[in-house]
């Protein structure tokens, strides 16, 4: 999955997910929950091609992914233990990327 709109649509298809811009127009922040209790589960850096997608991740899995994939890096401007930034260039399969989005969503909702 490398198409930016397809990624955005998948993020917003999660239950109670919505888009916010708390850091200004350069960061699309995808949150879940009511506005006063919302938690971030994904961030897209605006204007980047391919899409740079930051996702929350289990710390052990985060390290494993960084070792396995060149396009998975510690979270950009985020807690590097719990967040990865993924350059959505196609190195990760569509299924792998969707699984990581779903994991990030579950980590903030469960």
Protein backbone atom coordinates (compact mmCIF):
# COMPACT_ATOMS: atom_id res chain seq x y z
CA UNK A 1 0.00 0.00 0.00
CA UNK A 2 1.80 3.11 -1.24
CA UNK A 3 -1.09 5.37 -2.29
CA UNK A 4 -1.50 8.20 0.19
CA UNK A 5 -5.27 8.43 -0.16
CA UNK A 6 -5.66 4.68 0.31
CA UNK A 7 -3.62 4.89 3.52
CA UNK A 8 -5.65 7.86 4.78
CA UNK A 9 -8.93 6.09 3.99
CA UNK A 10 -7.76 2.97 5.84
CA UNK A 11 -6.79 5.03 8.90
CA UNK A 12 -10.14 6.81 8.99
CA UNK A 13 -12.04 3.53 8.54
CA UNK A 14 -11.07 2.51 12.10
CA UNK A 15 -13.98 2.91 14.54
CA UNK A 16 -14.20 6.44 16.01
CA UNK A 17 -11.06 7.58 14.15
CA UNK A 18 -10.77 11.20 13.08
CA UNK A 19 -8.20 13.60 11.66
CA UNK A 20 -6.71 16.50 13.59
CA UNK A 21 -3.94 19.07 13.02
CA UNK A 22 -2.71 19.96 16.55
CA UNK A 23 0.86 20.58 15.31
CA UNK A 24 -0.18 22.64 12.28
CA UNK A 25 -0.75 21.70 8.63
CA UNK A 26 2.53 19.78 8.29
CA UNK A 27 1.32 16.85 10.42
CA UNK A 28 -1.91 14.92 9.85
CA UNK A 29 -2.68 13.37 13.25
CA UNK A 30 -5.12 10.45 13.31
CA UNK A 31 -6.82 10.07 16.65
CA UNK A 32 -9.42 7.83 18.21
CA UNK A 33 -11.94 8.64 20.90
CA UNK A 34 -13.78 11.73 22.07
CA UNK A 35 -11.95 15.02 21.53
CA UNK A 36 -11.22 15.57 25.24
CA UNK A 37 -9.77 12.02 25.64
CA UNK A 38 -8.50 11.29 22.13
CA UNK A 39 -5.30 9.34 21.60
CA UNK A 40 -3.01 9.48 18.57
CA UNK A 41 -2.50 6.25 16.68
CA UNK A 42 -0.99 7.53 13.42
CA UNK A 43 0.72 10.60 11.98
CA UNK A 44 1.38 11.42 8.34
CA UNK A 45 3.96 14.08 7.50
CA UNK A 46 2.26 16.34 4.98
CA UNK A 47 3.94 16.85 1.62
CA UNK A 48 6.14 13.73 1.74
CA UNK A 49 6.15 11.31 -1.18
CA UNK A 50 6.21 8.46 -0.58
CA UNK A 51 4.03 8.85 2.51
CA UNK A 52 5.89 8.91 5.84
CA UNK A 53 3.56 7.22 8.33
CA UNK A 54 4.29 7.09 12.06
CA UNK A 55 2.60 4.35 14.07
CA UNK A 56 2.62 3.27 17.67
CA UNK A 57 4.21 -0.16 18.10
CA UNK A 58 5.15 -2.75 20.69
CA UNK A 59 8.77 -1.91 21.65
CA UNK A 60 10.14 -5.38 20.84
CA UNK A 61 8.37 -5.52 17.50
CA UNK A 62 9.46 -1.95 16.74
CA UNK A 63 13.12 -2.95 17.07
CA UNK A 64 12.63 -6.09 15.00
CA UNK A 65 10.96 -4.12 12.18
CA UNK A 66 13.78 -1.55 12.13
CA UNK A 67 16.33 -4.33 11.79
CA UNK A 68 14.37 -6.10 9.05
CA UNK A 69 13.24 -3.18 6.88
CA UNK A 70 15.25 -0.20 5.59
CA UNK A 71 12.07 1.88 5.38
CA UNK A 72 11.14 1.45 9.06
CA UNK A 73 12.88 3.92 11.36
CA UNK A 74 12.48 5.20 14.93
CA UNK A 75 9.49 7.54 15.22
CA UNK A 76 10.20 11.01 13.83
CA UNK A 77 9.81 13.53 16.72
CA UNK A 78 8.16 10.78 18.82
CA UNK A 79 9.05 8.39 21.63
CA UNK A 80 11.45 6.15 19.72
CA UNK A 81 10.78 3.17 21.99
CA UNK A 82 7.06 3.09 21.15
CA UNK A 83 6.78 4.66 17.68
CA UNK A 84 8.10 3.83 14.21
CA UNK A 85 8.05 5.97 11.09
CA UNK A 86 7.51 3.98 7.91
CA UNK A 87 8.33 5.25 4.44
CA UNK A 88 5.45 3.71 2.46
CA UNK A 89 7.46 2.86 -0.63
CA UNK A 90 6.25 -0.72 -1.00
CA UNK A 91 8.97 -2.52 0.98
CA UNK A 92 6.28 -3.61 3.44
CA UNK A 93 3.42 -5.46 1.83
CA UNK A 94 -0.11 -4.06 1.95
CA UNK A 95 -1.02 -6.73 4.51
CA UNK A 96 1.99 -5.91 6.71
CA UNK A 97 1.22 -2.18 6.65
CA UNK A 98 -2.46 -2.74 7.45
CA UNK A 99 -1.49 -5.07 10.31
CA UNK A 100 0.79 -2.37 11.76
CA UNK A 101 -1.96 0.26 11.45
CA UNK A 102 -4.37 -2.10 13.21
CA UNK A 103 -1.82 -2.81 15.94
CA UNK A 104 -1.24 0.91 16.54
CA UNK A 105 -4.99 1.45 16.78
CA UNK A 106 -5.39 -1.45 19.24
CA UNK A 107 -2.51 -0.22 21.40
CA UNK A 108 -4.33 3.05 22.10
CA UNK A 109 -7.87 1.66 22.35
CA UNK A 110 -7.43 -1.45 24.51
